[in-house]
N, C-alpha and C. Protein backbone atom coordinates (compact mmCIF):
# COMPACT_ATOMS: atom_id res chain seq x y z
N MET A 1 81.82 99.59 112.82
CA MET A 1 81.49 100.13 113.98
C MET A 1 81.91 99.27 115.03
N ALA A 2 81.36 97.93 114.64
CA ALA A 2 81.42 96.72 115.36
C ALA A 2 82.65 96.41 116.00
N ARG A 3 83.79 96.55 114.92
CA ARG A 3 85.15 96.03 115.11
C ARG A 3 85.71 97.15 116.01
N GLY A 4 85.54 98.44 115.69
CA GLY A 4 85.80 99.61 116.98
C GLY A 4 85.34 99.27 118.27
N GLN A 5 84.00 98.98 118.46
CA GLN A 5 83.60 98.45 119.89
C GLN A 5 84.01 97.15 120.27
N THR A 6 84.43 96.27 119.41
CA THR A 6 85.04 94.99 119.90
C THR A 6 86.28 95.17 120.44
N TYR A 7 87.29 95.68 119.54
CA TYR A 7 88.46 95.75 119.70
C TYR A 7 89.16 97.05 120.47
N PHE A 8 88.12 98.21 120.33
CA PHE A 8 88.83 99.50 121.04
C PHE A 8 87.82 99.80 122.02
N ASP A 9 86.71 99.10 122.47
CA ASP A 9 85.46 99.70 123.18
C ASP A 9 85.03 101.10 122.79
N ASP A 10 85.27 101.23 121.24
CA ASP A 10 84.73 102.63 120.80
C ASP A 10 84.22 102.32 119.47
N PRO A 11 82.98 102.54 119.28
CA PRO A 11 82.43 102.41 118.12
C PRO A 11 82.59 103.21 117.12
N LEU A 12 83.23 104.57 117.17
CA LEU A 12 83.72 105.53 116.48
C LEU A 12 85.26 105.41 116.45
N HIS A 13 85.93 104.40 116.51
CA HIS A 13 87.16 104.36 116.34
C HIS A 13 87.75 104.39 115.10
N TYR A 14 86.78 104.05 113.98
CA TYR A 14 87.38 104.04 112.75
C TYR A 14 87.67 105.46 112.26
N GLN A 15 87.17 106.54 113.13
CA GLN A 15 87.34 108.01 112.84
C GLN A 15 88.93 108.22 113.26
N THR A 16 89.25 107.64 114.27
CA THR A 16 90.77 107.81 114.55
C THR A 16 91.88 107.24 113.65
N GLU A 17 91.38 106.14 113.04
CA GLU A 17 92.20 105.48 112.17
C GLU A 17 92.07 106.31 110.70
N LEU A 18 91.01 106.87 110.38
CA LEU A 18 91.03 107.82 109.29
C LEU A 18 91.84 108.72 109.46
N ARG A 19 91.90 109.61 110.62
CA ARG A 19 92.92 110.70 110.92
C ARG A 19 94.26 110.25 110.83
N GLN A 20 94.35 109.19 111.41
CA GLN A 20 95.93 108.75 111.07
C GLN A 20 96.34 108.31 109.81
N ALA A 21 95.46 107.88 109.05
CA ALA A 21 95.78 107.54 107.73
C ALA A 21 95.98 108.74 106.96
N ALA A 22 95.18 109.75 107.22
CA ALA A 22 95.20 111.03 106.46
C ALA A 22 96.52 111.74 106.84
N ALA A 23 97.16 111.62 107.95
CA ALA A 23 98.30 112.19 108.39
C ALA A 23 99.40 111.75 107.83
N VAL A 24 99.44 110.62 107.19
CA VAL A 24 100.71 110.20 106.53
C VAL A 24 101.04 111.22 105.16
N THR A 25 102.43 111.57 105.40
CA THR A 25 102.78 112.26 104.15
C THR A 25 103.51 111.87 103.17
N PRO A 26 103.64 112.19 102.09
CA PRO A 26 104.60 111.71 100.89
C PRO A 26 105.91 111.41 101.55
N ASP A 27 106.71 112.39 102.35
CA ASP A 27 107.81 112.13 102.97
C ASP A 27 107.93 110.70 103.60
N ASP A 28 106.84 110.55 104.62
CA ASP A 28 106.54 109.37 105.28
C ASP A 28 106.76 108.08 104.38
N VAL A 29 105.99 108.26 103.34
CA VAL A 29 105.94 106.95 102.45
C VAL A 29 107.36 106.77 102.05
N GLN A 30 108.14 107.93 101.43
CA GLN A 30 109.34 107.54 100.80
C GLN A 30 110.41 107.28 101.98
N ARG A 31 110.21 107.70 103.12
CA ARG A 31 111.37 107.19 104.32
C ARG A 31 111.00 105.77 104.49
N VAL A 32 109.76 105.21 104.67
CA VAL A 32 109.52 104.01 104.86
C VAL A 32 110.03 102.94 103.50
N ALA A 33 109.78 103.59 102.27
CA ALA A 33 110.19 102.93 100.90
C ALA A 33 111.65 102.73 101.09
N ARG A 34 112.43 103.85 101.34
CA ARG A 34 113.96 103.71 101.56
C ARG A 34 114.41 102.71 102.45
N GLN A 35 113.63 102.61 103.58
CA GLN A 35 113.95 101.69 104.73
C GLN A 35 113.87 100.29 104.16
N TYR A 36 112.59 99.81 103.63
CA TYR A 36 112.24 98.52 103.49
C TYR A 36 112.54 98.19 101.97
N LEU A 37 112.28 98.70 101.08
CA LEU A 37 112.37 98.40 99.75
C LEU A 37 113.76 98.50 99.24
N THR A 38 114.66 97.60 99.54
CA THR A 38 116.12 97.80 99.27
C THR A 38 116.24 96.52 98.50
N THR A 39 117.51 96.41 98.09
CA THR A 39 118.03 95.31 96.99
C THR A 39 117.97 94.17 97.68
N GLY A 40 117.75 94.01 99.07
CA GLY A 40 117.83 92.61 99.60
C GLY A 40 116.56 92.03 99.69
N ARG A 41 115.49 92.70 99.39
CA ARG A 41 114.08 92.30 99.58
C ARG A 41 113.59 91.32 98.72
N VAL A 42 112.60 90.63 99.03
CA VAL A 42 112.13 89.35 98.16
C VAL A 42 110.91 89.79 97.75
N VAL A 43 110.70 89.51 96.50
CA VAL A 43 109.32 89.65 95.76
C VAL A 43 108.46 88.63 95.38
N LEU A 44 107.33 88.39 96.09
CA LEU A 44 106.86 87.09 96.12
C LEU A 44 105.53 87.39 95.38
N SER A 45 105.21 86.52 94.40
CA SER A 45 104.14 86.72 93.44
C SER A 45 103.30 85.24 93.64
N MET A 46 102.11 85.49 94.03
CA MET A 46 101.20 84.26 94.52
C MET A 46 100.14 84.49 92.96
N VAL A 47 100.40 83.57 92.15
CA VAL A 47 99.53 83.44 90.84
C VAL A 47 98.79 82.11 90.84
N PRO A 48 97.64 82.10 90.09
CA PRO A 48 97.27 80.96 89.74
C PRO A 48 97.85 79.83 89.14
N ALA A 49 97.79 78.49 89.42
CA ALA A 49 98.65 77.54 88.93
C ALA A 49 98.47 77.43 87.31
N GLY A 50 99.65 77.42 86.51
CA GLY A 50 99.52 77.54 85.15
C GLY A 50 99.55 78.77 84.63
N LYS A 51 99.69 79.89 85.37
CA LYS A 51 99.30 81.34 84.93
C LYS A 51 100.99 82.11 85.36
N LEU A 52 102.03 81.59 85.28
CA LEU A 52 103.20 82.10 85.63
C LEU A 52 103.32 83.56 84.86
N GLU A 53 102.96 83.59 83.71
CA GLU A 53 103.11 84.98 83.18
C GLU A 53 102.41 86.29 83.87
N LEU A 54 101.59 85.76 84.92
CA LEU A 54 101.04 86.92 85.67
C LEU A 54 101.99 87.24 86.87
N ALA A 55 103.26 86.52 86.87
CA ALA A 55 103.99 86.94 88.21
C ALA A 55 104.57 88.46 88.11
N SER A 56 104.96 88.77 89.43
CA SER A 56 105.31 90.34 89.16
C SER A 56 106.54 90.58 88.34
N LYS A 57 107.48 89.79 88.19
CA LYS A 57 108.52 90.11 87.12
C LYS A 57 108.85 88.90 86.34
N PRO A 58 107.78 88.51 85.28
CA PRO A 58 107.88 87.29 84.51
C PRO A 58 109.27 86.92 83.95
N THR A 59 109.90 88.00 83.50
CA THR A 59 111.07 88.02 82.68
C THR A 59 112.39 87.64 83.68
N GLN A 60 112.23 87.93 85.08
CA GLN A 60 113.33 87.68 86.06
C GLN A 60 113.40 86.27 86.35
N PRO A 61 114.39 85.90 86.73
CA PRO A 61 114.59 84.27 87.21
C PRO A 61 113.58 84.16 88.27
N TYR A 62 113.00 82.91 88.42
CA TYR A 62 112.09 82.70 89.59
C TYR A 62 112.11 81.14 89.88
N VAL A 63 111.69 80.91 91.02
CA VAL A 63 111.44 79.57 91.37
C VAL A 63 109.74 79.17 91.57
N ASN A 64 109.56 78.20 90.80
CA ASN A 64 108.12 77.73 90.73
C ASN A 64 107.97 76.57 91.74
N VAL A 65 107.44 76.94 92.88
CA VAL A 65 107.16 76.14 93.93
C VAL A 65 106.09 75.43 93.99
N THR A 66 105.20 75.45 93.01
CA THR A 66 103.81 74.68 92.82
C THR A 66 104.37 73.17 92.75
N ALA A 67 103.73 72.27 93.41
CA ALA A 67 104.11 70.63 93.46
C ALA A 67 103.38 70.33 92.14
N ALA A 68 104.21 69.29 91.61
CA ALA A 68 103.53 68.61 90.34
C ALA A 68 102.30 67.68 91.00
N PRO A 69 101.43 67.71 90.01
CA PRO A 69 100.08 67.01 90.22
C PRO A 69 100.25 65.40 90.84
N GLU A 70 101.31 64.67 90.52
CA GLU A 70 101.55 63.47 90.95
C GLU A 70 102.10 63.56 92.38
N SER A 71 102.95 64.63 92.41
CA SER A 71 103.51 64.57 93.84
C SER A 71 102.57 64.93 95.11
N THR A 72 101.54 65.85 94.69
CA THR A 72 100.48 66.12 95.61
C THR A 72 99.63 65.01 95.84
N SER A 73 99.55 64.17 95.33
CA SER A 73 98.51 63.19 95.46
C SER A 73 99.07 62.10 96.46
N ARG A 74 100.44 61.97 96.48
CA ARG A 74 101.23 61.19 97.50
C ARG A 74 101.63 62.15 98.74
N GLY A 75 101.08 63.33 98.85
CA GLY A 75 101.61 64.33 100.01
C GLY A 75 102.96 64.70 99.86
N GLY A 76 103.71 64.55 98.94
CA GLY A 76 105.39 64.98 99.06
C GLY A 76 105.45 66.18 98.07
N THR A 77 106.55 66.75 97.95
CA THR A 77 107.01 67.90 96.89
C THR A 77 108.29 67.53 96.41
N ARG A 78 108.42 68.32 95.52
CA ARG A 78 109.68 68.19 94.62
C ARG A 78 110.85 69.37 95.17
């Protein structure tokens, strides 16, 4: 209610958001998925250091961008 009052000058604005969310149909979801989930997309997995097996697709090629401990102490990256 506080967010609705702060941003929309309406403490009951959450009801509008609930109606909008309920109005989304399976066709809407499929249409948006076809538009944005294409072969050109990027899959980003943020996982705890040392837990690369938790990545979205651990069997696919990936780039580990975690800096090595010695390079972070000097402020650099590899």
